C-alpha atoms as a PDB file:
ATOM      1  CA  MET A   1     -22.956  29.229 -61.839  1.00  0.00           C
ATOM      2  CA  THR A   2     -21.629  27.394 -58.956  1.00  0.00           C
ATOM      3  CA  ASN A   3     -22.582  23.760 -58.591  1.00  0.00           C
ATOM      4  CA  ARG A   4     -23.428  22.752 -55.148  1.00  0.00           C
ATOM      5  CA  ALA A   5     -24.106  19.315 -53.626  1.00  0.00           C
ATOM      6  CA  PRO A   6     -27.671  18.915 -52.635  1.00  0.00           C
ATOM      7  CA  SER A   7     -28.038  19.502 -48.975  1.00  0.00           C
ATOM      8  CA  ARG A   8     -29.258  16.924 -46.620  1.00  0.00           C
ATOM      9  CA  PRO A   9     -31.970  17.633 -44.127  1.00  0.00           C
ATOM     10  CA  ALA A  10     -30.634  18.438 -40.717  1.00  0.00           C
ATOM     11  CA  ALA A  11     -32.763  15.777 -39.221  1.00  0.00           C
ATOM     12  CA  SER A  12     -31.103  13.001 -41.274  1.00  0.00           C
ATOM     13  CA  LEU A  13     -27.763  14.157 -39.759  1.00  0.00           C
ATOM     14  CA  SER A  14     -28.943  13.761 -36.094  1.00  0.00           C
ATOM     15  CA  ARG A  15     -30.863  10.466 -36.318  1.00  0.00           C
ATOM     16  CA  ARG A  16     -28.179   7.840 -35.750  1.00  0.00           C
ATOM     17  CA  PRO A  17     -29.517   4.617 -34.252  1.00  0.00           C
ATOM     18  CA  PRO A  18     -27.883   3.866 -30.978  1.00  0.00           C
ATOM     19  CA  SER A  19     -25.194   1.184 -31.227  1.00  0.00           C
ATOM     20  CA  GLY A  20     -26.081  -0.366 -27.956  1.00  0.00           C
ATOM     21  CA  PRO A  21     -23.528  -2.113 -25.758  1.00  0.00           C
ATOM     22  CA  ASP A  22     -20.653  -3.701 -27.535  1.00  0.00           C
ATOM     23  CA  ALA A  23     -19.401  -7.443 -27.044  1.00  0.00           C
ATOM     24  CA  ASN A  24     -17.140  -6.657 -24.174  1.00  0.00           C
ATOM     25  CA  ALA A  25     -20.051  -4.819 -22.346  1.00  0.00           C
ATOM     26  CA  LEU A  26     -22.386  -7.679 -22.988  1.00  0.00           C
ATOM     27  CA  GLU A  27     -19.947 -10.316 -21.683  1.00  0.00           C
ATOM     28  CA  LEU A  28     -19.432  -8.269 -18.580  1.00  0.00           C
ATOM     29  CA  PHE A  29     -23.213  -8.003 -18.065  1.00  0.00           C
ATOM     30  CA  ALA A  30     -23.695 -11.740 -18.566  1.00  0.00           C
ATOM     31  CA  ARG A  31     -20.882 -12.546 -16.021  1.00  0.00           C
ATOM     32  CA  ILE A  32     -22.428 -10.236 -13.490  1.00  0.00           C
ATOM     33  CA  ALA A  33     -25.862 -11.663 -13.891  1.00  0.00           C
ATOM     34  CA  ALA A  34     -24.594 -15.194 -13.448  1.00  0.00           C
ATOM     35  CA  ALA A  35     -22.345 -14.261 -10.409  1.00  0.00           C
ATOM     36  CA  GLY A  36     -25.229 -12.490  -8.612  1.00  0.00           C
ATOM     37  CA  SER A  37     -22.804  -9.730  -7.358  1.00  0.00           C
ATOM     38  CA  PHE A  38     -20.316  -7.109  -8.620  1.00  0.00           C
ATOM     39  CA  ALA A  39     -17.678  -8.248  -6.317  1.00  0.00           C
ATOM     40  CA  GLN A  40     -17.824 -11.848  -7.431  1.00  0.00           C
ATOM     41  CA  ALA A  41     -17.880 -10.973 -11.087  1.00  0.00           C
ATOM     42  CA  ALA A  42     -14.825  -8.713 -10.515  1.00  0.00           C
ATOM     43  CA  ARG A  43     -12.831 -11.588  -9.037  1.00  0.00           C
ATOM     44  CA  GLU A  44     -13.922 -13.850 -11.976  1.00  0.00           C
ATOM     45  CA  LEU A  45     -12.985 -11.074 -14.546  1.00  0.00           C
ATOM     46  CA  GLY A  46      -9.625 -10.287 -12.909  1.00  0.00           C
ATOM     47  CA  LEU A  47     -10.822  -6.638 -12.282  1.00  0.00           C
ATOM     48  CA  THR A  48     -11.438  -4.463  -9.293  1.00  0.00           C
ATOM     49  CA  ARG A  49     -14.911  -3.806  -8.060  1.00  0.00           C
ATOM     50  CA  ALA A  50     -14.649  -0.133  -8.782  1.00  0.00           C
ATOM     51  CA  ALA A  51     -13.769  -1.036 -12.381  1.00  0.00           C
ATOM     52  CA  VAL A  52     -16.837  -3.245 -12.742  1.00  0.00           C
ATOM     53  CA  SER A  53     -19.073  -0.602 -11.259  1.00  0.00           C
ATOM     54  CA  ARG A  54     -17.832   2.120 -13.535  1.00  0.00           C
ATOM     55  CA  ARG A  55     -18.465  -0.182 -16.728  1.00  0.00           C
ATOM     56  CA  VAL A  56     -21.983  -1.041 -15.571  1.00  0.00           C
ATOM     57  CA  ALA A  57     -22.682   2.674 -15.038  1.00  0.00           C
ATOM     58  CA  ALA A  58     -21.412   3.450 -18.561  1.00  0.00           C
ATOM     59  CA  MET A  59     -23.511   0.686 -20.008  1.00  0.00           C
ATOM     60  CA  GLU A  60     -26.760   1.699 -18.238  1.00  0.00           C
ATOM     61  CA  ALA A  61     -26.069   5.207 -19.385  1.00  0.00           C
ATOM     62  CA  GLU A  62     -25.673   4.046 -23.161  1.00  0.00           C
ATOM     63  CA  VAL A  63     -28.844   1.799 -22.727  1.00  0.00           C
ATOM     64  CA  GLY A  64     -30.748   4.607 -21.064  1.00  0.00           C
ATOM     65  CA  ALA A  65     -32.205   2.495 -18.246  1.00  0.00           C
ATOM     66  CA  PRO A  66     -30.955   0.551 -14.983  1.00  0.00           C
ATOM     67  CA  LEU A  67     -29.996  -2.962 -15.804  1.00  0.00           C
ATOM     68  CA  PHE A  68     -29.632  -4.178 -12.173  1.00  0.00           C
ATOM     69  CA  ALA A  69     -31.937  -3.988  -9.179  1.00  0.00           C
ATOM     70  CA  ARG A  70     -29.630  -3.498  -6.255  1.00  0.00           C
ATOM     71  CA  SER A  71     -30.169  -4.074  -2.544  1.00  0.00           C
ATOM     72  CA  THR A  72     -28.220  -4.611   0.405  1.00  0.00           C
ATOM     73  CA  ARG A  73     -28.418  -8.360   0.212  1.00  0.00           C
ATOM     74  CA  ALA A  74     -28.955  -9.208  -3.426  1.00  0.00           C
ATOM     75  CA  LEU A  75     -28.578  -8.206  -7.074  1.00  0.00           C
ATOM     76  CA  GLY A  76     -31.272  -8.786  -9.620  1.00  0.00           C
ATOM     77  CA  LEU A  77     -32.112  -7.930 -13.164  1.00  0.00           C
ATOM     78  CA  THR A  78     -34.580  -5.140 -14.058  1.00  0.00           C
ATOM     79  CA  GLU A  79     -37.049  -5.542 -16.915  1.00  0.00           C
ATOM     80  CA  THR A  80     -34.562  -4.076 -19.319  1.00  0.00           C
ATOM     81  CA  GLY A  81     -31.844  -6.229 -18.028  1.00  0.00           C
ATOM     82  CA  ARG A  82     -33.966  -9.428 -18.461  1.00  0.00           C
ATOM     83  CA  ARG A  83     -34.578  -8.479 -22.099  1.00  0.00           C
ATOM     84  CA  LEU A  84     -30.826  -8.001 -22.548  1.00  0.00           C
ATOM     85  CA  ALA A  85     -29.675 -11.289 -20.985  1.00  0.00           C
ATOM     86  CA  ALA A  86     -30.309 -13.756 -23.681  1.00  0.00           C
ATOM     87  CA  ARG A  87     -28.263 -11.726 -26.123  1.00  0.00           C
ATOM     88  CA  ALA A  88     -25.485 -11.176 -23.503  1.00  0.00           C
ATOM     89  CA  ARG A  89     -25.233 -14.936 -22.677  1.00  0.00           C
ATOM     90  CA  ALA A  90     -24.820 -15.801 -26.346  1.00  0.00           C
ATOM     91  CA  VAL A  91     -21.951 -13.373 -26.752  1.00  0.00           C
ATOM     92  CA  LEU A  92     -20.424 -14.753 -23.350  1.00  0.00           C
ATOM     93  CA  ASP A  93     -20.610 -18.364 -24.714  1.00  0.00           C
ATOM     94  CA  ALA A  94     -18.905 -17.318 -28.109  1.00  0.00           C
ATOM     95  CA  ALA A  95     -16.219 -15.488 -26.350  1.00  0.00           C
ATOM     96  CA  GLU A  96     -15.398 -18.414 -23.993  1.00  0.00           C
ATOM     97  CA  SER A  97     -15.285 -20.842 -26.807  1.00  0.00           C
ATOM     98  CA  ALA A  98     -12.974 -18.578 -28.798  1.00  0.00           C
ATOM     99  CA  ARG A  99     -10.693 -18.331 -25.703  1.00  0.00           C
ATOM    100  CA  ARG A 100     -10.592 -22.132 -25.083  1.00  0.00           C
ATOM    101  CA  GLY A 101      -9.479 -22.609 -28.684  1.00  0.00           C
ATOM    102  CA  LEU A 102      -6.890 -19.798 -28.576  1.00  0.00           C
ATOM    103  CA  ARG A 103      -5.364 -21.122 -25.231  1.00  0.00           C
ATOM    104  CA  ALA A 104      -5.197 -24.663 -26.574  1.00  0.00           C
ATOM    105  CA  ARG A 105      -3.215 -23.477 -29.649  1.00  0.00           C
ATOM    106  CA  ASN A 106      -1.005 -21.153 -27.546  1.00  0.00           C
ATOM    107  CA  ALA A 107      -0.214 -23.726 -24.827  1.00  0.00           C
ATOM    108  CA  GLY A 108       0.045 -26.838 -26.895  1.00  0.00           C
ATOM    109  CA  SER A 109      -2.126 -30.054 -26.629  1.00  0.00           C
ATOM    110  CA  ASP A 110      -1.485 -30.645 -22.872  1.00  0.00           C
ATOM    111  CA  GLY A 111      -2.820 -27.038 -22.044  1.00  0.00           C
ATOM    112  CA  GLY A 112       0.400 -26.278 -19.952  1.00  0.00           C
ATOM    113  CA  LEU A 113       1.645 -22.783 -18.816  1.00  0.00           C
ATOM    114  CA  ALA A 114       5.175 -21.562 -19.462  1.00  0.00           C
ATOM    115  CA  GLY A 115       7.244 -18.629 -18.409  1.00  0.00           C
ATOM    116  CA  THR A 116       8.141 -17.223 -15.122  1.00  0.00           C
ATOM    117  CA  LEU A 117       5.522 -16.660 -12.221  1.00  0.00           C
ATOM    118  CA  ARG A 118       6.664 -14.586  -9.356  1.00  0.00           C
ATOM    119  CA  VAL A 119       4.870 -15.394  -6.152  1.00  0.00           C
ATOM    120  CA  THR A 120       5.213 -14.027  -2.509  1.00  0.00           C
ATOM    121  CA  ALA A 121       3.396 -15.120   0.621  1.00  0.00           C
ATOM    122  CA  VAL A 122       3.705 -14.740   4.431  1.00  0.00           C
ATOM    123  CA  PRO A 123       6.010 -17.451   5.603  1.00  0.00           C
ATOM    124  CA  SER A 124       3.605 -19.256   7.768  1.00  0.00           C
ATOM    125  CA  PHE A 125       1.034 -19.715   5.143  1.00  0.00           C
ATOM    126  CA  GLY A 126       3.610 -20.399   2.502  1.00  0.00           C
ATOM    127  CA  GLN A 127       5.385 -22.975   4.365  1.00  0.00           C
ATOM    128  CA  ALA A 128       2.423 -24.921   5.877  1.00  0.00           C
ATOM    129  CA  VAL A 129      -0.120 -24.538   2.973  1.00  0.00           C
ATOM    130  CA  LEU A 130       1.182 -22.896  -0.177  1.00  0.00           C
ATOM    131  CA  ALA A 131       4.403 -24.948  -0.754  1.00  0.00           C
ATOM    132  CA  PRO A 132       2.770 -28.374  -1.273  1.00  0.00           C
ATOM    133  CA  LEU A 133       0.268 -26.882  -3.456  1.00  0.00           C
ATOM    134  CA  LEU A 134       2.868 -25.295  -5.619  1.00  0.00           C
ATOM    135  CA  ALA A 135       4.443 -28.651  -6.068  1.00  0.00           C
ATOM    136  CA  THR A 136       1.217 -30.123  -7.385  1.00  0.00           C
ATOM    137  CA  PHE A 137       0.770 -26.884  -9.592  1.00  0.00           C
ATOM    138  CA  GLN A 138       4.198 -27.020 -11.159  1.00  0.00           C
ATOM    139  CA  ALA A 139       3.939 -30.696 -11.758  1.00  0.00           C
ATOM    140  CA  LYS A 140       0.826 -30.052 -13.987  1.00  0.00           C
ATOM    141  CA  HIS A 141       2.882 -27.164 -15.820  1.00  0.00           C
ATOM    142  CA  PRO A 142       6.396 -28.215 -15.911  1.00  0.00           C
ATOM    143  CA  GLU A 143       7.345 -25.564 -18.392  1.00  0.00           C
ATOM    144  CA  LEU A 144       6.447 -22.921 -15.863  1.00  0.00           C
ATOM    145  CA  ARG A 145       9.185 -21.449 -13.674  1.00  0.00           C
ATOM    146  CA  ILE A 146       8.058 -20.172 -10.076  1.00  0.00           C
ATOM    147  CA  GLU A 147      10.089 -17.623  -8.134  1.00  0.00           C
ATOM    148  CA  LEU A 148       8.778 -17.815  -4.546  1.00  0.00           C
ATOM    149  CA  ARG A 149       9.560 -15.172  -1.984  1.00  0.00           C
ATOM    150  CA  PHE A 150       8.403 -15.401   1.706  1.00  0.00           C
ATOM    151  CA  THR A 151       8.152 -11.998   3.499  1.00  0.00           C
ATOM    152  CA  HIS A 152       6.052 -10.217   6.093  1.00  0.00           C
ATOM    153  CA  ARG A 153       6.480  -7.033   4.188  1.00  0.00           C
ATOM    154  CA  ARG A 154       3.461  -5.756   2.257  1.00  0.00           C
ATOM    155  CA  VAL A 155       4.693  -5.773  -1.213  1.00  0.00           C
ATOM    156  CA  ASP A 156       3.560  -3.636  -4.078  1.00  0.00           C
ATOM    157  CA  LEU A 157       2.760  -5.813  -7.043  1.00  0.00           C
ATOM    158  CA  VAL A 158       4.006  -3.407  -9.785  1.00  0.00           C
ATOM    159  CA  ARG A 159       6.970  -1.919  -7.876  1.00  0.00           C
ATOM    160  CA  ASP A 160       8.162  -5.253  -6.726  1.00  0.00           C
ATOM    161  CA  ASP A 161       7.376  -7.128  -9.928  1.00  0.00           C
ATOM    162  CA  ILE A 162       5.150  -9.823  -8.344  1.00  0.00           C
ATOM    163  CA  ASP A 163       2.395 -11.588 -10.047  1.00  0.00           C
ATOM    164  CA  VAL A 164       0.466 -13.144  -7.161  1.00  0.00           C
ATOM    165  CA  ALA A 165       0.720 -12.257  -3.352  1.00  0.00           C
ATOM    166  CA  PHE A 166      -0.885 -14.503  -0.537  1.00  0.00           C
ATOM    167  CA  ARG A 167      -1.460 -12.130   2.348  1.00  0.00           C
ATOM    168  CA  LEU A 168      -3.401 -12.073   5.546  1.00  0.00           C
ATOM    169  CA  THR A 169      -5.484  -8.836   5.657  1.00  0.00           C
ATOM    170  CA  HIS A 170      -9.011  -7.586   6.401  1.00  0.00           C
ATOM    171  CA  ARG A 171      -8.627  -4.518   3.897  1.00  0.00           C
ATOM    172  CA  PRO A 172      -7.134  -5.727   0.451  1.00  0.00           C
ATOM    173  CA  PRO A 173      -5.787  -2.949  -1.598  1.00  0.00           C
ATOM    174  CA  GLU A 174      -8.493  -1.462  -4.106  1.00  0.00           C
ATOM    175  CA  ASP A 175      -6.204  -1.484  -7.070  1.00  0.00           C
ATOM    176  CA  CYS A 176      -5.819  -5.302  -6.855  1.00  0.00           C
ATOM    177  CA  VAL A 177      -7.981  -8.128  -7.617  1.00  0.00           C
ATOM    178  CA  ALA A 178      -8.588  -9.822  -4.100  1.00  0.00           C
ATOM    179  CA  THR A 179      -9.683 -13.429  -4.057  1.00  0.00           C
ATOM    180  CA  PRO A 180     -10.584 -14.689  -0.420  1.00  0.00           C
ATOM    181  CA  LEU A 181      -9.027 -18.067  -0.152  1.00  0.00           C
ATOM    182  CA  MET A 182      -9.085 -19.265   3.530  1.00  0.00           C
ATOM    183  CA  PRO A 183     -10.455 -17.938   6.735  1.00  0.00           C
ATOM    184  CA  PHE A 184      -8.180 -18.790   9.854  1.00  0.00           C
ATOM    185  CA  VAL A 185      -8.005 -18.256  13.518  1.00  0.00           C
ATOM    186  CA  VAL A 186      -4.951 -18.201  15.899  1.00  0.00           C
ATOM    187  CA  ARG A 187      -4.933 -20.781  18.597  1.00  0.00           C
ATOM    188  CA  ALA A 188      -2.589 -22.198  21.261  1.00  0.00           C
ATOM    189  CA  TYR A 189      -0.672 -25.424  20.334  1.00  0.00           C
ATOM    190  CA  ALA A 190       1.574 -27.653  22.178  1.00  0.00           C
ATOM    191  CA  ALA A 191       3.020 -31.204  22.170  1.00  0.00           C
ATOM    192  CA  ARG A 192       0.753 -32.558  24.630  1.00  0.00           C
ATOM    193  CA  SER A 193      -2.738 -34.213  24.702  1.00  0.00           C
ATOM    194  CA  ARG A 194      -4.112 -32.683  27.902  1.00  0.00           C
ATOM    195  CA  PRO A 195      -5.661 -29.263  27.292  1.00  0.00           C
ATOM    196  CA  LEU A 196      -5.187 -26.214  29.468  1.00  0.00           C
ATOM    197  CA  SER A 197      -8.047 -25.261  31.978  1.00  0.00           C
ATOM    198  CA  GLY A 198      -8.463 -21.832  30.158  1.00  0.00           C
ATOM    199  CA  PRO A 199      -6.433 -19.054  28.818  1.00  0.00           C
ATOM    200  CA  GLU A 200      -5.463 -17.713  32.273  1.00  0.00           C
ATOM    201  CA  ALA A 201      -3.425 -20.985  32.802  1.00  0.00           C
ATOM    202  CA  LEU A 202      -1.038 -19.718  30.015  1.00  0.00           C
ATOM    203  CA  ALA A 203       0.542 -17.581  32.742  1.00  0.00           C
ATOM    204  CA  GLY A 204       2.219 -20.762  34.110  1.00  0.00           C
ATOM    205  CA  GLU A 205       3.354 -22.117  30.797  1.00  0.00           C
ATOM    206  CA  PRO A 206       6.441 -21.395  28.811  1.00  0.00           C
ATOM    207  CA  CYS A 207       4.970 -19.372  25.879  1.00  0.00           C
ATOM    208  CA  LEU A 208       6.556 -19.068  22.433  1.00  0.00           C
ATOM    209  CA  VAL A 209       5.610 -15.781  20.906  1.00  0.00           C
ATOM    210  CA  PHE A 210       5.892 -14.570  17.277  1.00  0.00           C
ATOM    211  CA  GLY A 211       6.842 -10.914  16.882  1.00  0.00           C
ATOM    212  CA  ALA A 212       9.022  -8.269  18.451  1.00  0.00           C
ATOM    213  CA  PRO A 213      10.928  -8.840  21.676  1.00  0.00           C
ATOM    214  CA  THR A 214       8.895  -8.021  24.802  1.00  0.00           C
ATOM    215  CA  ASP A 215       9.225  -8.817  28.594  1.00  0.00           C
ATOM    216  CA  GLU A 216       5.534  -9.027  29.138  1.00  0.00           C
ATOM    217  CA  LEU A 217       2.384  -9.372  27.076  1.00  0.00           C
ATOM    218  CA  THR A 218      -1.259  -9.495  27.734  1.00  0.00           C
ATOM    219  CA  MET A 219      -3.312 -11.554  25.429  1.00  0.00           C
ATOM    220  CA  HIS A 220      -6.943 -11.114  25.146  1.00  0.00           C
ATOM    221  CA  TRP A 221      -8.928 -14.291  24.099  1.00  0.00           C
ATOM    222  CA  ARG A 222     -12.300 -14.918  22.934  1.00  0.00           C
ATOM    223  CA  SER A 223     -14.388 -18.086  22.819  1.00  0.00           C
ATOM    224  CA  ASP A 224     -15.473 -19.402  19.364  1.00  0.00           C
ATOM    225  CA  ASP A 225     -19.247 -18.818  20.158  1.00  0.00           C
ATOM    226  CA  GLY A 226     -18.359 -15.169  21.089  1.00  0.00           C
ATOM    227  CA  LEU A 227     -19.991 -15.383  24.439  1.00  0.00           C
ATOM    228  CA  ARG A 228     -16.865 -15.436  26.663  1.00  0.00           C
ATOM    229  CA  GLN A 229     -13.655 -13.459  27.017  1.00  0.00           C
ATOM    230  CA  ALA A 230     -10.404 -13.992  28.979  1.00  0.00           C
ATOM    231  CA  SER A 231      -7.143 -12.360  29.386  1.00  0.00           C
ATOM    232  CA  ALA A 232      -3.631 -13.716  30.344  1.00  0.00           C
ATOM    233  CA  THR A 233      -0.552 -11.759  31.167  1.00  0.00           C
ATOM    234  CA  ILE A 234       2.557 -13.894  30.033  1.00  0.00           C
ATOM    235  CA  SER A 235       6.383 -13.379  30.177  1.00  0.00           C
ATOM    236  CA  PRO A 236       7.460 -15.115  26.847  1.00  0.00           C
ATOM    237  CA  ALA A 237      10.034 -17.870  27.239  1.00  0.00           C
ATOM    238  CA  MET A 238      11.040 -17.294  23.468  1.00  0.00           C
ATOM    239  CA  VAL A 239      10.311 -14.543  20.936  1.00  0.00           C
ATOM    240  CA  ALA A 240      11.134 -14.996  17.165  1.00  0.00           C
ATOM    241  CA  ASP A 241      10.161 -13.501  13.915  1.00  0.00           C
ATOM    242  CA  ASP A 242       9.879 -16.982  12.269  1.00  0.00           C
ATOM    243  CA  MET A 243       6.835 -19.076  12.929  1.00  0.00           C
ATOM    244  CA  ASP A 244       8.430 -22.165  11.430  1.00  0.00           C
ATOM    245  CA  THR A 245      11.064 -21.958  14.195  1.00  0.00           C
ATOM    246  CA  LEU A 246       8.549 -21.578  17.003  1.00  0.00           C
ATOM    247  CA  TRP A 247       6.612 -24.430  15.791  1.00  0.00           C
ATOM    248  CA  ALA A 248       9.655 -26.713  15.611  1.00  0.00           C
ATOM    249  CA  VAL A 249      10.583 -25.777  19.234  1.00  0.00           C
ATOM    250  CA  ALA A 250       7.083 -26.485  20.452  1.00  0.00           C
ATOM    251  CA  THR A 251       7.116 -29.894  18.387  1.00  0.00           C
ATOM    252  CA  ALA A 252      10.267 -30.758  20.276  1.00  0.00           C
ATOM    253  CA  GLY A 253       8.318 -30.746  23.499  1.00  0.00           C
ATOM    254  CA  TRP A 254       8.903 -27.548  25.014  1.00  0.00           C
ATOM    255  CA  GLY A 255       6.408 -24.556  25.206  1.00  0.00           C
ATOM    256  CA  VAL A 256       3.045 -23.344  23.877  1.00  0.00           C
ATOM    257  CA  VAL A 257       3.010 -21.655  20.570  1.00  0.00           C
ATOM    258  CA  PHE A 258       0.321 -19.212  19.286  1.00  0.00           C
ATOM    259  CA  ALA A 259      -0.139 -19.812  15.638  1.00  0.00           C
ATOM    260  CA  PRO A 260      -2.785 -19.498  12.771  1.00  0.00           C
ATOM    261  CA  ASP A 261      -4.717 -22.828  12.797  1.00  0.00           C
ATOM    262  CA  PHE A 262      -3.583 -23.676   9.155  1.00  0.00           C
ATOM    263  CA  CYS A 263      -0.191 -24.450  10.710  1.00  0.00           C
ATOM    264  CA  ALA A 264      -1.781 -27.385  12.265  1.00  0.00           C
ATOM    265  CA  ARG A 265      -1.583 -29.156   8.792  1.00  0.00           C
ATOM    266  CA  ARG A 266       2.064 -29.730   9.468  1.00  0.00           C
ATOM    267  CA  GLY A 267       1.090 -32.052  12.365  1.00  0.00           C
ATOM    268  CA  GLY A 268       2.977 -32.730  15.740  1.00  0.00           C
ATOM    269  CA  LEU A 269       1.012 -30.350  17.854  1.00  0.00           C
ATOM    270  CA  ALA A 270      -2.468 -30.356  19.573  1.00  0.00           C
ATOM    271  CA  ASP A 271      -4.788 -27.474  20.196  1.00  0.00           C
ATOM    272  CA  VAL A 272      -4.429 -27.037  24.003  1.00  0.00           C
ATOM    273  CA  LEU A 273      -7.038 -24.267  24.335  1.00  0.00           C
ATOM    274  CA  PRO A 274     -10.026 -25.845  22.368  1.00  0.00           C
ATOM    275  CA  GLY A 275     -12.840 -23.515  21.747  1.00  0.00           C
ATOM    276  CA  TRP A 276     -10.637 -20.262  22.275  1.00  0.00           C
ATOM    277  CA  ARG A 277      -9.127 -18.090  19.651  1.00  0.00           C
ATOM    278  CA  LEU A 278      -6.846 -14.966  19.810  1.00  0.00           C
ATOM    279  CA  PRO A 279      -8.227 -12.221  17.545  1.00  0.00           C
ATOM    280  CA  VAL A 280      -5.820 -10.798  14.978  1.00  0.00           C
ATOM    281  CA  ALA A 281      -5.869  -7.175  14.344  1.00  0.00           C
ATOM    282  CA  GLU A 282      -4.430  -7.471  10.687  1.00  0.00           C
ATOM    283  CA  GLY A 283      -7.367  -9.726   9.762  1.00  0.00           C
ATOM    284  CA  GLU A 284      -8.368 -13.441   9.706  1.00  0.00           C
ATOM    285  CA  VAL A 285      -8.545 -14.202   5.865  1.00  0.00           C
ATOM    286  CA  ILE A 286      -5.911 -15.160   3.462  1.00  0.00           C
ATOM    287  CA  TYR A 287      -6.359 -13.300   0.185  1.00  0.00           C
ATOM    288  CA  ALA A 288      -4.659 -13.882  -3.215  1.00  0.00           C
ATOM    289  CA  LEU A 289      -3.775 -10.525  -4.714  1.00  0.00           C
ATOM    290  CA  THR A 290      -3.174  -9.994  -8.449  1.00  0.00           C
ATOM    291  CA  LEU A 291      -3.309  -7.059 -10.777  1.00  0.00           C
ATOM    292  CA  PRO A 292      -6.367  -6.491 -12.898  1.00  0.00           C
ATOM    293  CA  GLN A 293      -6.477  -7.931 -16.282  1.00  0.00           C
ATOM    294  CA  PRO A 294      -4.828  -7.679 -18.810  1.00  0.00           C
ATOM    295  CA  GLU A 295      -1.780  -6.856 -16.579  1.00  0.00           C
ATOM    296  CA  ALA A 296      -2.066 -10.179 -14.541  1.00  0.00           C
ATOM    297  CA  PRO A 297      -0.600 -13.127 -16.617  1.00  0.00           C
ATOM    298  CA  GLU A 298      -2.766 -16.177 -17.333  1.00  0.00           C
ATOM    299  CA  ALA A 299      -0.481 -18.135 -15.016  1.00  0.00           C
ATOM    300  CA  ALA A 300      -1.221 -15.928 -12.112  1.00  0.00           C
ATOM    301  CA  ARG A 301      -4.985 -16.417 -12.619  1.00  0.00           C
ATOM    302  CA  ALA A 302      -4.514 -20.140 -13.043  1.00  0.00           C
ATOM    303  CA  LEU A 303      -2.521 -20.294  -9.767  1.00  0.00           C
ATOM    304  CA  VAL A 304      -5.195 -18.436  -7.779  1.00  0.00           C
ATOM    305  CA  ARG A 305      -7.901 -20.597  -9.175  1.00  0.00           C
ATOM    306  CA  PHE A 306      -5.909 -23.858  -8.382  1.00  0.00           C
ATOM    307  CA  VAL A 307      -5.247 -22.685  -4.811  1.00  0.00           C
ATOM    308  CA  ARG A 308      -8.809 -21.703  -4.214  1.00  0.00           C
ATOM    309  CA  ASP A 309     -10.182 -25.079  -5.313  1.00  0.00           C
ATOM    310  CA  ALA A 310      -7.633 -27.111  -3.467  1.00  0.00           C
ATOM    311  CA  LEU A 311      -8.332 -25.193  -0.270  1.00  0.00           C
ATOM    312  CA  ALA A 312     -12.217 -25.519  -0.843  1.00  0.00           C
ATOM    313  CA  ALA A 313     -11.733 -29.291  -0.647  1.00  0.00           C
ATOM    314  CA  PRO A 314     -11.823 -30.928   2.867  1.00  0.00           C
ATOM    315  CA  ALA A 315      -8.228 -30.993   4.546  1.00  0.00           C
ATOM    316  CA  PRO A 316      -7.007 -34.412   5.493  1.00  0.00           C
ATOM    317  CA  ARG A 317      -7.327 -35.095   9.210  1.00  0.00           C
ATOM    318  CA  ARG A 318      -4.240 -35.761  11.341  1.00  0.00           C
ATOM    319  CA  ALA A 319      -4.111 -37.624  14.621  1.00  0.00           C
ATOM    320  CA  PRO A 320      -3.474 -35.366  17.631  1.00  0.00           C
ATOM    321  CA  ALA A 321      -0.016 -35.352  19.003  1.00  0.00           C
ATOM    322  CA  GLN A 322       0.569 -37.256  22.397  1.00  0.00           C
ATOM    323  CA  ARG A 323       3.096 -37.217  24.786  1.00  0.00           C
END
């Protein structure tokens, strides 16, 4: 006679209680709810927006109900989302407390960063804005070594072994975490206190132009209020691929240079077409680009936060140049 183990009812094998979202999913949910948008939560987490959307979709499929009420202008919680919010917040608080303790143990009592951080930036932004901020940042983290490369070339973070790229663009790459840092506009600057009568007056001025050599260039200007447009055709007196050189020539007292307004932080020149801007096809926002977590090192995320917070503070005013 064969002994057989007693069989279980089939129903008992199929009735497994749902596990529900795990701790990582609950932390993500809490961050999105606090941020009020997928994009902002993605930046805070060091993820792409697409990755956040996929994880939310998986969480909603697991729960079996929508968690967020989406509209074109706002992101709110559904009834299911509100019931989950308190539990998710408790998980987030516990996770952040654990991370703070771990960072303190790994970094030492002063919380300093170490290792090598590879940074690239467009030269004009790097020289006028980023370099002074890097000096302050490195003073806070003396064990951190920074490799800084200025280039106009669009780098690939993985292929070029870059941790943070500061770029001007209107379309950040989707496989990077893009943190907007600073809007800017291009204006006309010169070492003079008397403004020009309008963009048309540029035709009678020695103009210093950034870019490729050209004999003639037509510039299309727009007023800051968007109500007026004007064009000027100029014959550049100097063309260069280095904005710092053109700014130095203008500061020496010769010529009008067309530069992003953050270059004015250097001082020495005045806006001679107040109320007018030269639109930039590449975009008018400086972004910090990093890889998604966990590929991006902690030093890269710390630098982006530091630069973002520093640029959010009011910039010191400089007296206009006079001649």
